[in-house]
Amino acid sequence: MPLYKGALQPSIRLFSNYACLQEEKKVEVTADKPPASTSLIGRLYQQSKDLVRFYKDGIKLLWSNKKEAQLIMQKVKNESYEWTRSEYQLVHQSKKDVVKLIPFAFVFLILPESIPLLVLYVPGMVPSTCVKESQLMKQREKLDKIRQKMNMNVLKSAEQIEAISPEDFLNRTKFLRINKQYGFDFDLSRIDRRHLESYCRFMGISDFGTQGILKRRLTQYLDYIMEDDKLIVKEDLVDKLNHAELSKAIEERGMKSGGDDLSMRKALKYWLSFTVPSSAHQDRIPYGLLVFSRMFLLNARY
């Protein structure tokens, strides 16, 4: 097992329904100004109406995406259709959103005003079509804080044991050498529950469950990433993704998002050189080592 401390944890339209909300109406100032309490109640009432409208539009978009995803899946199954990356992203995100729909709808009917708190503290309950851009940024900031703390701990551990450094993972030859020497130990089946929890938390997915559940969840998540990687390479998309698409792709792969486009493209290309290698002779990088390397390279400059 790797030696480090235990503090070591996806659409063509992600989703542009933010424009569904109208700007808040400005309160006209009149000579007879209403009492402060009435004004406050009015603002709260308007905010509640806007929220309800936003979430209703989000649920409608979710249902529309679900129907479109079903059509794509039928084509793939019955016509041997090869989907595009955007279609793959839509299908993947739609499946995730549908699972979240029932608990979200329950909260929406009972107490819609509490949903902004769910977005921040229980994001797994909120469909992506019902998340505002500002809320998405808060989610990313929260995840980055978690990753920064884990990055700091793993770097401290590496200094103490003088084993692996970030430079080793930034150098392709050294990375492949590490894989040859220690890759077997990074197979998810050989990683204990405590470290699987950390890997899940770093990758932004739930870290709750037994060792078997965590292994399956992390495997499914990285299987999605691997398929997405193949489609990015197949369609030669690295230099075509816009800033939002780049940020999402980078974040999903355990790297720091929100930087300049050039840096993020370099980081994505470096990642793809290992997950979709140009040489068929290159050894496969175990999922555990891919995640572990991201912990070292969170703030790396490619």
C-alpha atoms as a PDB file:
ATOM      1  CA  MET A   1       0.000   0.000   0.000  1.00  0.00           C
ATOM      2  CA  PRO A   2       1.118   3.579  -0.587  1.00  0.00           C
ATOM      3  CA  LEU A   3       2.657   5.309   2.393  1.00  0.00           C
ATOM      4  CA  TYR A   4       0.772   8.460   3.248  1.00  0.00           C
ATOM      5  CA  LYS A   5      -1.540   9.840   5.864  1.00  0.00           C
ATOM      6  CA  GLY A   6      -5.229   8.952   5.942  1.00  0.00           C
ATOM      7  CA  ALA A   7      -6.446  12.437   5.161  1.00  0.00           C
ATOM      8  CA  LEU A   8      -6.314  11.336   1.436  1.00  0.00           C
ATOM      9  CA  GLN A   9     -12.122  12.037  -2.012  1.00  0.00           C
ATOM     10  CA  PRO A  10     -20.429  14.326 -14.957  1.00  0.00           C
ATOM     11  CA  SER A  11     -23.545  17.642 -20.846  1.00  0.00           C
ATOM     12  CA  ILE A  12     -23.907  19.298 -23.762  1.00  0.00           C
ATOM     13  CA  ARG A  13     -25.864  21.709 -21.723  1.00  0.00           C
ATOM     14  CA  LEU A  14     -24.606  21.724 -18.182  1.00  0.00           C
ATOM     15  CA  PHE A  15     -27.385  22.929 -18.040  1.00  0.00           C
ATOM     16  CA  SER A  16     -28.149  26.413 -19.319  1.00  0.00           C
ATOM     17  CA  ASN A  17     -31.456  26.796 -17.556  1.00  0.00           C
ATOM     18  CA  TYR A  18     -29.901  29.418 -15.338  1.00  0.00           C
ATOM     19  CA  ALA A  19     -31.322  31.910 -17.842  1.00  0.00           C
ATOM     20  CA  CYS A  20     -34.812  30.688 -16.904  1.00  0.00           C
ATOM     21  CA  LEU A  21     -34.798  33.012 -13.878  1.00  0.00           C
ATOM     22  CA  GLN A  22     -35.918  36.589 -14.570  1.00  0.00           C
ATOM     23  CA  GLU A  23     -34.111  39.451 -12.912  1.00  0.00           C
ATOM     24  CA  GLU A  24     -35.620  40.485  -9.639  1.00  0.00           C
ATOM     25  CA  LYS A  25     -38.089  43.355 -10.101  1.00  0.00           C
ATOM     26  CA  LYS A  26     -36.913  46.626  -8.668  1.00  0.00           C
ATOM     27  CA  VAL A  27     -39.072  48.015  -5.953  1.00  0.00           C
ATOM     28  CA  GLU A  28     -40.405  51.421  -6.995  1.00  0.00           C
ATOM     29  CA  VAL A  29     -39.729  54.175  -4.549  1.00  0.00           C
ATOM     30  CA  THR A  30     -42.879  56.195  -3.872  1.00  0.00           C
ATOM     31  CA  ALA A  31     -43.656  59.100  -1.651  1.00  0.00           C
ATOM     32  CA  ASP A  32     -45.626  56.804   0.647  1.00  0.00           C
ATOM     33  CA  LYS A  33     -42.937  54.286   1.521  1.00  0.00           C
ATOM     34  CA  PRO A  34     -44.398  51.040   2.964  1.00  0.00           C
ATOM     35  CA  PRO A  35     -43.284  49.787   6.349  1.00  0.00           C
ATOM     36  CA  ALA A  36     -39.970  47.928   6.468  1.00  0.00           C
ATOM     37  CA  SER A  37     -41.674  44.700   7.537  1.00  0.00           C
ATOM     38  CA  THR A  38     -44.006  44.780   4.502  1.00  0.00           C
ATOM     39  CA  SER A  39     -41.059  45.404   2.189  1.00  0.00           C
ATOM     40  CA  LEU A  40     -39.139  42.484   3.681  1.00  0.00           C
ATOM     41  CA  ILE A  41     -42.127  40.181   3.357  1.00  0.00           C
ATOM     42  CA  GLY A  42     -42.551  41.291  -0.236  1.00  0.00           C
ATOM     43  CA  ARG A  43     -38.929  40.532  -1.072  1.00  0.00           C
ATOM     44  CA  LEU A  44     -39.073  37.133   0.575  1.00  0.00           C
ATOM     45  CA  TYR A  45     -42.303  36.335  -1.259  1.00  0.00           C
ATOM     46  CA  GLN A  46     -40.749  37.334  -4.601  1.00  0.00           C
ATOM     47  CA  GLN A  47     -37.608  35.323  -3.906  1.00  0.00           C
ATOM     48  CA  SER A  48     -39.715  32.280  -3.049  1.00  0.00           C
ATOM     49  CA  LYS A  49     -41.683  32.659  -6.287  1.00  0.00           C
ATOM     50  CA  ASP A  50     -38.457  32.933  -8.288  1.00  0.00           C
ATOM     51  CA  LEU A  51     -37.029  29.851  -6.616  1.00  0.00           C
ATOM     52  CA  VAL A  52     -40.157  27.788  -7.239  1.00  0.00           C
ATOM     53  CA  ARG A  53     -40.207  28.885 -10.879  1.00  0.00           C
ATOM     54  CA  PHE A  54     -36.515  28.065 -11.276  1.00  0.00           C
ATOM     55  CA  TYR A  55     -36.881  24.588  -9.797  1.00  0.00           C
ATOM     56  CA  LYS A  56     -40.018  23.863 -11.839  1.00  0.00           C
ATOM     57  CA  ASP A  57     -38.132  24.819 -15.012  1.00  0.00           C
ATOM     58  CA  GLY A  58     -35.210  22.657 -13.879  1.00  0.00           C
ATOM     59  CA  ILE A  59     -37.452  19.629 -13.413  1.00  0.00           C
ATOM     60  CA  LYS A  60     -39.003  20.198 -16.859  1.00  0.00           C
ATOM     61  CA  LEU A  61     -35.523  20.329 -18.401  1.00  0.00           C
ATOM     62  CA  LEU A  62     -34.550  17.173 -16.530  1.00  0.00           C
ATOM     63  CA  TRP A  63     -37.572  15.359 -18.000  1.00  0.00           C
ATOM     64  CA  SER A  64     -36.762  16.634 -21.488  1.00  0.00           C
ATOM     65  CA  ASN A  65     -33.156  15.455 -21.136  1.00  0.00           C
ATOM     66  CA  LYS A  66     -34.373  12.064 -19.930  1.00  0.00           C
ATOM     67  CA  LYS A  67     -36.496  11.579 -23.068  1.00  0.00           C
ATOM     68  CA  GLU A  68     -33.638  12.627 -25.327  1.00  0.00           C
ATOM     69  CA  ALA A  69     -31.224  10.329 -23.485  1.00  0.00           C
ATOM     70  CA  GLN A  70     -33.624   7.403 -23.926  1.00  0.00           C
ATOM     71  CA  LEU A  71     -33.743   7.990 -27.686  1.00  0.00           C
ATOM     72  CA  ILE A  72     -29.949   8.033 -27.838  1.00  0.00           C
ATOM     73  CA  MET A  73     -29.713   4.823 -25.843  1.00  0.00           C
ATOM     74  CA  GLN A  74     -32.216   3.111 -28.157  1.00  0.00           C
ATOM     75  CA  LYS A  75     -30.115   4.083 -31.170  1.00  0.00           C
ATOM     76  CA  VAL A  76     -26.973   2.758 -29.511  1.00  0.00           C
ATOM     77  CA  LYS A  77     -28.668  -0.514 -28.553  1.00  0.00           C
ATOM     78  CA  ASN A  78     -30.717  -1.215 -31.698  1.00  0.00           C
ATOM     79  CA  GLU A  79     -28.711   0.436 -34.467  1.00  0.00           C
ATOM     80  CA  SER A  80     -25.145   0.022 -33.201  1.00  0.00           C
ATOM     81  CA  TYR A  81     -24.987   3.800 -33.185  1.00  0.00           C
ATOM     82  CA  GLU A  82     -21.744   5.367 -31.954  1.00  0.00           C
ATOM     83  CA  TRP A  83     -22.572   8.296 -29.766  1.00  0.00           C
ATOM     84  CA  THR A  84     -20.692  11.566 -29.634  1.00  0.00           C
ATOM     85  CA  ARG A  85     -19.130  12.886 -26.463  1.00  0.00           C
ATOM     86  CA  SER A  86     -21.925  15.418 -26.004  1.00  0.00           C
ATOM     87  CA  GLU A  87     -24.513  12.635 -26.305  1.00  0.00           C
ATOM     88  CA  TYR A  88     -22.562  10.476 -23.870  1.00  0.00           C
ATOM     89  CA  GLN A  89     -22.418  13.353 -21.414  1.00  0.00           C
ATOM     90  CA  LEU A  90     -26.163  13.920 -21.756  1.00  0.00           C
ATOM     91  CA  VAL A  91     -26.988  10.254 -21.133  1.00  0.00           C
ATOM     92  CA  HIS A  92     -24.635  10.037 -18.170  1.00  0.00           C
ATOM     93  CA  GLN A  93     -25.894  13.219 -16.527  1.00  0.00           C
ATOM     94  CA  SER A  94     -29.529  12.342 -17.206  1.00  0.00           C
ATOM     95  CA  LYS A  95     -29.162   9.015 -15.410  1.00  0.00           C
ATOM     96  CA  LYS A  96     -27.674  10.761 -12.398  1.00  0.00           C
ATOM     97  CA  ASP A  97     -30.369  13.429 -12.343  1.00  0.00           C
ATOM     98  CA  VAL A  98     -33.252  10.939 -12.574  1.00  0.00           C
ATOM     99  CA  VAL A  99     -31.934   9.109  -9.508  1.00  0.00           C
ATOM    100  CA  LYS A 100     -31.935  12.398  -7.595  1.00  0.00           C
ATOM    101  CA  LEU A 101     -35.422  13.401  -8.754  1.00  0.00           C
ATOM    102  CA  ILE A 102     -37.517  11.591  -6.120  1.00  0.00           C
ATOM    103  CA  PRO A 103     -35.784  12.918  -2.979  1.00  0.00           C
ATOM    104  CA  PHE A 104     -35.434  16.356  -4.574  1.00  0.00           C
ATOM    105  CA  ALA A 105     -39.139  16.473  -5.536  1.00  0.00           C
ATOM    106  CA  PHE A 106     -40.075  15.552  -1.970  1.00  0.00           C
ATOM    107  CA  VAL A 107     -38.050  18.432  -0.520  1.00  0.00           C
ATOM    108  CA  PHE A 108     -39.320  20.747  -3.276  1.00  0.00           C
ATOM    109  CA  LEU A 109     -42.953  20.038  -2.328  1.00  0.00           C
ATOM    110  CA  ILE A 110     -42.382  20.313   1.428  1.00  0.00           C
ATOM    111  CA  LEU A 111     -39.821  23.090   1.857  1.00  0.00           C
ATOM    112  CA  PRO A 112     -38.403  24.534  -1.412  1.00  0.00           C
ATOM    113  CA  GLU A 113     -36.627  27.323   0.467  1.00  0.00           C
ATOM    114  CA  SER A 114     -34.230  24.758   1.975  1.00  0.00           C
ATOM    115  CA  ILE A 115     -32.924  23.556  -1.404  1.00  0.00           C
ATOM    116  CA  PRO A 116     -30.039  26.099  -1.608  1.00  0.00           C
ATOM    117  CA  LEU A 117     -28.698  24.530   1.590  1.00  0.00           C
ATOM    118  CA  LEU A 118     -29.013  21.054   0.070  1.00  0.00           C
ATOM    119  CA  VAL A 119     -27.045  22.216  -2.965  1.00  0.00           C
ATOM    120  CA  LEU A 120     -24.139  23.185  -0.743  1.00  0.00           C
ATOM    121  CA  TYR A 121     -24.220  20.491   1.919  1.00  0.00           C
ATOM    122  CA  VAL A 122     -25.962  17.529   0.210  1.00  0.00           C
ATOM    123  CA  PRO A 123     -25.243  18.076  -3.514  1.00  0.00           C
ATOM    124  CA  GLY A 124     -25.971  14.427  -4.227  1.00  0.00           C
ATOM    125  CA  MET A 125     -29.691  15.130  -3.746  1.00  0.00           C
ATOM    126  CA  VAL A 126     -29.977  17.968  -6.259  1.00  0.00           C
ATOM    127  CA  PRO A 127     -30.299  17.399 -10.057  1.00  0.00           C
ATOM    128  CA  SER A 128     -27.821  19.401 -12.117  1.00  0.00           C
ATOM    129  CA  THR A 129     -30.705  21.145 -13.903  1.00  0.00           C
ATOM    130  CA  CYS A 130     -31.730  22.690 -10.580  1.00  0.00           C
ATOM    131  CA  VAL A 131     -28.349  24.149  -9.636  1.00  0.00           C
ATOM    132  CA  LYS A 132     -27.567  27.809 -10.284  1.00  0.00           C
ATOM    133  CA  GLU A 133     -24.176  28.862 -11.567  1.00  0.00           C
ATOM    134  CA  SER A 134     -23.404  30.629  -8.305  1.00  0.00           C
ATOM    135  CA  GLN A 135     -24.279  27.462  -6.385  1.00  0.00           C
ATOM    136  CA  LEU A 136     -22.089  25.409  -8.706  1.00  0.00           C
ATOM    137  CA  MET A 137     -19.169  27.707  -7.960  1.00  0.00           C
ATOM    138  CA  LYS A 138     -19.722  27.253  -4.213  1.00  0.00           C
ATOM    139  CA  GLN A 139     -19.682  23.483  -4.697  1.00  0.00           C
ATOM    140  CA  ARG A 140     -16.383  23.760  -6.538  1.00  0.00           C
ATOM    141  CA  GLU A 141     -14.899  25.975  -3.845  1.00  0.00           C
ATOM    142  CA  LYS A 142     -15.926  23.477  -1.169  1.00  0.00           C
ATOM    143  CA  LEU A 143     -14.408  20.570  -3.114  1.00  0.00           C
ATOM    144  CA  ASP A 144     -11.210  22.526  -3.698  1.00  0.00           C
ATOM    145  CA  LYS A 145     -10.827  23.132   0.041  1.00  0.00           C
ATOM    146  CA  ILE A 146     -11.117  19.393   0.656  1.00  0.00           C
ATOM    147  CA  ARG A 147      -8.583  18.641  -2.054  1.00  0.00           C
ATOM    148  CA  GLN A 148      -6.147  21.291  -0.875  1.00  0.00           C
ATOM    149  CA  LYS A 149      -6.131  19.837   2.619  1.00  0.00           C
ATOM    150  CA  MET A 150      -5.509  16.339   1.283  1.00  0.00           C
ATOM    151  CA  ASN A 151      -2.807  17.633  -1.052  1.00  0.00           C
ATOM    152  CA  MET A 152      -1.036  19.278   1.866  1.00  0.00           C
ATOM    153  CA  ASN A 153      -1.142  16.097   3.946  1.00  0.00           C
ATOM    154  CA  VAL A 154       0.156  13.832   1.206  1.00  0.00           C
ATOM    155  CA  LEU A 155       3.011  16.215   0.419  1.00  0.00           C
ATOM    156  CA  LYS A 156       3.995  16.313   4.088  1.00  0.00           C
ATOM    157  CA  SER A 157       3.954  12.536   4.222  1.00  0.00           C
ATOM    158  CA  ALA A 158       6.125  12.336   1.111  1.00  0.00           C
ATOM    159  CA  GLU A 159       8.684  14.673   2.691  1.00  0.00           C
ATOM    160  CA  GLN A 160       8.932  12.506   5.780  1.00  0.00           C
ATOM    161  CA  ILE A 161       9.446   9.207   3.995  1.00  0.00           C
ATOM    162  CA  GLU A 162      11.387  10.669   1.058  1.00  0.00           C
ATOM    163  CA  ALA A 163       9.658   8.322  -1.362  1.00  0.00           C
ATOM    164  CA  ILE A 164       7.629  10.018  -4.103  1.00  0.00           C
ATOM    165  CA  SER A 165       7.506  13.693  -5.035  1.00  0.00           C
ATOM    166  CA  PRO A 166       5.219  15.725  -7.331  1.00  0.00           C
ATOM    167  CA  GLU A 167       8.087  15.942  -9.813  1.00  0.00           C
ATOM    168  CA  ASP A 168       7.992  12.160 -10.168  1.00  0.00           C
ATOM    169  CA  PHE A 169       4.398  12.342 -11.375  1.00  0.00           C
ATOM    170  CA  LEU A 170       5.050  15.363 -13.594  1.00  0.00           C
ATOM    171  CA  ASN A 171       7.720  13.470 -15.507  1.00  0.00           C
ATOM    172  CA  ARG A 172       6.147  10.945 -17.870  1.00  0.00           C
ATOM    173  CA  THR A 173       9.096   8.538 -17.747  1.00  0.00           C
ATOM    174  CA  LYS A 174       9.244   8.576 -13.946  1.00  0.00           C
ATOM    175  CA  PHE A 175       5.455   8.178 -13.700  1.00  0.00           C
ATOM    176  CA  LEU A 176       5.580   5.050 -15.862  1.00  0.00           C
ATOM    177  CA  ARG A 177       8.461   3.757 -13.766  1.00  0.00           C
ATOM    178  CA  ILE A 178       6.420   4.224 -10.588  1.00  0.00           C
ATOM    179  CA  ASN A 179       3.593   2.346 -12.262  1.00  0.00           C
ATOM    180  CA  LYS A 180       5.891  -0.588 -13.022  1.00  0.00           C
ATOM    181  CA  GLN A 181       7.208  -0.709  -9.473  1.00  0.00           C
ATOM    182  CA  TYR A 182       4.088   0.021  -7.414  1.00  0.00           C
ATOM    183  CA  GLY A 183       1.121  -0.245  -9.791  1.00  0.00           C
ATOM    184  CA  PHE A 184       0.009  -3.598  -8.393  1.00  0.00           C
ATOM    185  CA  ASP A 185      -0.405  -2.098  -4.915  1.00  0.00           C
ATOM    186  CA  PHE A 186      -2.697   0.608  -6.306  1.00  0.00           C
ATOM    187  CA  ASP A 187      -5.284  -1.772  -7.696  1.00  0.00           C
ATOM    188  CA  LEU A 188      -8.551  -0.825  -5.980  1.00  0.00           C
ATOM    189  CA  SER A 189      -9.024  -4.395  -4.744  1.00  0.00           C
ATOM    190  CA  ARG A 190      -5.851  -3.994  -2.657  1.00  0.00           C
ATOM    191  CA  ILE A 191      -6.711  -0.642  -1.092  1.00  0.00           C
ATOM    192  CA  ASP A 192      -8.328  -0.607   2.345  1.00  0.00           C
ATOM    193  CA  ARG A 193     -11.595   1.110   3.206  1.00  0.00           C
ATOM    194  CA  ARG A 194     -10.026   4.158   4.881  1.00  0.00           C
ATOM    195  CA  HIS A 195      -8.015   5.039   1.790  1.00  0.00           C
ATOM    196  CA  LEU A 196     -10.908   4.246  -0.557  1.00  0.00           C
ATOM    197  CA  GLU A 197     -12.934   6.789   1.420  1.00  0.00           C
ATOM    198  CA  SER A 198     -10.191   9.350   0.851  1.00  0.00           C
ATOM    199  CA  TYR A 199      -9.990   8.563  -2.871  1.00  0.00           C
ATOM    200  CA  CYS A 200     -13.770   8.965  -3.261  1.00  0.00           C
ATOM    201  CA  ARG A 201     -13.783  12.211  -1.286  1.00  0.00           C
ATOM    202  CA  PHE A 202     -10.945  13.615  -3.361  1.00  0.00           C
ATOM    203  CA  MET A 203     -12.742  12.784  -6.631  1.00  0.00           C
ATOM    204  CA  GLY A 204     -15.900  14.505  -5.401  1.00  0.00           C
ATOM    205  CA  ILE A 205     -18.098  11.432  -4.986  1.00  0.00           C
ATOM    206  CA  SER A 206     -19.761   9.998  -1.888  1.00  0.00           C
ATOM    207  CA  ASP A 207     -17.379   8.398   0.595  1.00  0.00           C
ATOM    208  CA  PHE A 208     -20.129   6.608   2.535  1.00  0.00           C
ATOM    209  CA  GLY A 209     -20.372   2.824   2.481  1.00  0.00           C
ATOM    210  CA  THR A 210     -18.543  -0.424   2.972  1.00  0.00           C
ATOM    211  CA  GLN A 211     -15.224  -1.219   1.328  1.00  0.00           C
ATOM    212  CA  GLY A 212     -17.008  -3.102  -1.458  1.00  0.00           C
ATOM    213  CA  ILE A 213     -19.450  -0.252  -2.083  1.00  0.00           C
ATOM    214  CA  LEU A 214     -16.665   2.330  -2.178  1.00  0.00           C
ATOM    215  CA  LYS A 215     -14.618   0.233  -4.586  1.00  0.00           C
ATOM    216  CA  ARG A 216     -17.628  -0.243  -6.899  1.00  0.00           C
ATOM    217  CA  ARG A 217     -18.547   3.447  -6.755  1.00  0.00           C
ATOM    218  CA  LEU A 218     -15.016   4.595  -7.545  1.00  0.00           C
ATOM    219  CA  THR A 219     -14.688   2.014 -10.320  1.00  0.00           C
ATOM    220  CA  GLN A 220     -17.964   3.125 -11.925  1.00  0.00           C
ATOM    221  CA  TYR A 221     -16.932   6.759 -11.725  1.00  0.00           C
ATOM    222  CA  LEU A 222     -13.527   6.181 -13.287  1.00  0.00           C
ATOM    223  CA  ASP A 223     -15.073   3.889 -15.931  1.00  0.00           C
ATOM    224  CA  TYR A 224     -17.181   6.910 -16.923  1.00  0.00           C
ATOM    225  CA  ILE A 225     -14.056   9.073 -17.062  1.00  0.00           C
ATOM    226  CA  MET A 226     -12.201   6.513 -19.203  1.00  0.00           C
ATOM    227  CA  GLU A 227     -15.052   6.381 -21.745  1.00  0.00           C
ATOM    228  CA  ASP A 228     -15.204  10.159 -21.777  1.00  0.00           C
ATOM    229  CA  ASP A 229     -11.428  10.292 -22.336  1.00  0.00           C
ATOM    230  CA  LYS A 230     -11.716   8.004 -25.369  1.00  0.00           C
ATOM    231  CA  LEU A 231     -14.406  10.221 -26.899  1.00  0.00           C
ATOM    232  CA  ILE A 232     -12.389  13.393 -26.268  1.00  0.00           C
ATOM    233  CA  VAL A 233      -9.410  11.868 -28.067  1.00  0.00           C
ATOM    234  CA  LYS A 234     -11.528  10.346 -30.832  1.00  0.00           C
ATOM    235  CA  GLU A 235     -13.177  13.700 -31.609  1.00  0.00           C
ATOM    236  CA  ASP A 236      -9.948  15.664 -30.994  1.00  0.00           C
ATOM    237  CA  LEU A 237     -11.729  17.951 -28.534  1.00  0.00           C
ATOM    238  CA  VAL A 238      -9.013  19.114 -26.144  1.00  0.00           C
ATOM    239  CA  ASP A 239      -8.342  22.317 -28.086  1.00  0.00           C
ATOM    240  CA  LYS A 240     -12.046  22.822 -28.912  1.00  0.00           C
ATOM    241  CA  LEU A 241     -13.587  22.745 -25.438  1.00  0.00           C
ATOM    242  CA  ASN A 242     -14.695  26.124 -24.105  1.00  0.00           C
ATOM    243  CA  HIS A 243     -13.720  27.381 -20.649  1.00  0.00           C
ATOM    244  CA  ALA A 244     -16.747  25.902 -18.856  1.00  0.00           C
ATOM    245  CA  GLU A 245     -16.316  22.512 -20.541  1.00  0.00           C
ATOM    246  CA  LEU A 246     -12.602  22.509 -19.744  1.00  0.00           C
ATOM    247  CA  SER A 247     -13.206  23.396 -16.112  1.00  0.00           C
ATOM    248  CA  LYS A 248     -15.743  20.604 -15.725  1.00  0.00           C
ATOM    249  CA  ALA A 249     -13.506  18.025 -17.420  1.00  0.00           C
ATOM    250  CA  ILE A 250     -10.509  19.042 -15.320  1.00  0.00           C
ATOM    251  CA  GLU A 251     -12.428  18.983 -12.053  1.00  0.00           C
ATOM    252  CA  GLU A 252     -13.961  15.584 -12.773  1.00  0.00           C
ATOM    253  CA  ARG A 253     -10.462  14.154 -13.163  1.00  0.00           C
ATOM    254  CA  GLY A 254      -9.240  15.379  -9.808  1.00  0.00           C
ATOM    255  CA  MET A 255      -7.406  18.472 -11.016  1.00  0.00           C
ATOM    256  CA  LYS A 256      -7.765  22.126 -10.095  1.00  0.00           C
ATOM    257  CA  SER A 257     -10.311  23.867 -12.324  1.00  0.00           C
ATOM    258  CA  GLY A 258     -10.915  27.523 -13.056  1.00  0.00           C
ATOM    259  CA  GLY A 259      -7.418  28.404 -14.239  1.00  0.00           C
ATOM    260  CA  ASP A 260      -6.503  29.802 -17.629  1.00  0.00           C
ATOM    261  CA  ASP A 261      -7.471  27.691 -20.645  1.00  0.00           C
ATOM    262  CA  LEU A 262      -3.898  27.007 -21.734  1.00  0.00           C
ATOM    263  CA  SER A 263      -2.927  25.491 -18.395  1.00  0.00           C
ATOM    264  CA  MET A 264      -6.075  23.388 -18.219  1.00  0.00           C
ATOM    265  CA  ARG A 265      -5.554  22.086 -21.771  1.00  0.00           C
ATOM    266  CA  LYS A 266      -1.993  21.062 -20.876  1.00  0.00           C
ATOM    267  CA  ALA A 267      -3.220  19.281 -17.746  1.00  0.00           C
ATOM    268  CA  LEU A 268      -5.940  17.451 -19.683  1.00  0.00           C
ATOM    269  CA  LYS A 269      -3.504  16.400 -22.424  1.00  0.00           C
ATOM    270  CA  TYR A 270      -1.082  15.056 -19.836  1.00  0.00           C
ATOM    271  CA  TRP A 271      -3.878  13.043 -18.194  1.00  0.00           C
ATOM    272  CA  LEU A 272      -5.015  11.670 -21.575  1.00  0.00           C
ATOM    273  CA  SER A 273      -1.478  10.573 -22.408  1.00  0.00           C
ATOM    274  CA  PHE A 274      -1.854   7.962 -19.660  1.00  0.00           C
ATOM    275  CA  THR A 275      -5.527   7.011 -19.956  1.00  0.00           C
ATOM    276  CA  VAL A 276      -5.639   6.920 -23.792  1.00  0.00           C
ATOM    277  CA  PRO A 277      -1.991   6.304 -24.712  1.00  0.00           C
ATOM    278  CA  SER A 278      -0.848   6.552 -28.318  1.00  0.00           C
ATOM    279  CA  SER A 279       1.164   3.366 -27.853  1.00  0.00           C
ATOM    280  CA  ALA A 280      -0.666   0.077 -27.400  1.00  0.00           C
ATOM    281  CA  HIS A 281       2.364  -1.232 -25.489  1.00  0.00           C
ATOM    282  CA  GLN A 282       2.047   1.191 -22.579  1.00  0.00           C
ATOM    283  CA  ASP A 283       1.018  -0.480 -19.349  1.00  0.00           C
ATOM    284  CA  ARG A 284      -2.395   0.422 -17.980  1.00  0.00           C
ATOM    285  CA  ILE A 285      -2.318   2.823 -15.025  1.00  0.00           C
ATOM    286  CA  PRO A 286      -4.400   1.430 -12.138  1.00  0.00           C
ATOM    287  CA  TYR A 287      -7.297   3.608 -10.994  1.00  0.00           C
ATOM    288  CA  GLY A 288      -5.801   3.953  -7.538  1.00  0.00           C
ATOM    289  CA  LEU A 289      -2.518   5.313  -8.880  1.00  0.00           C
ATOM    290  CA  LEU A 290      -4.348   7.786 -11.155  1.00  0.00           C
ATOM    291  CA  VAL A 291      -6.190   9.219  -8.152  1.00  0.00           C
ATOM    292  CA  PHE A 292      -3.117   9.157  -5.939  1.00  0.00           C
ATOM    293  CA  SER A 293      -1.117  11.073  -8.553  1.00  0.00           C
ATOM    294  CA  ARG A 294      -3.819  13.783  -8.656  1.00  0.00           C
ATOM    295  CA  MET A 295      -3.334  14.326  -4.949  1.00  0.00           C
ATOM    296  CA  PHE A 296       0.322  15.148  -5.606  1.00  0.00           C
ATOM    297  CA  LEU A 297      -0.369  17.248  -8.716  1.00  0.00           C
ATOM    298  CA  LEU A 298      -3.364  19.292  -7.540  1.00  0.00           C
ATOM    299  CA  ASN A 299      -1.473  22.589  -7.770  1.00  0.00           C
ATOM    300  CA  ALA A 300       1.072  21.474 -10.375  1.00  0.00           C
ATOM    301  CA  ARG A 301       2.000  23.625 -13.357  1.00  0.00           C
ATOM    302  CA  TYR A 302       2.095  21.509 -16.510  1.00  0.00           C
END
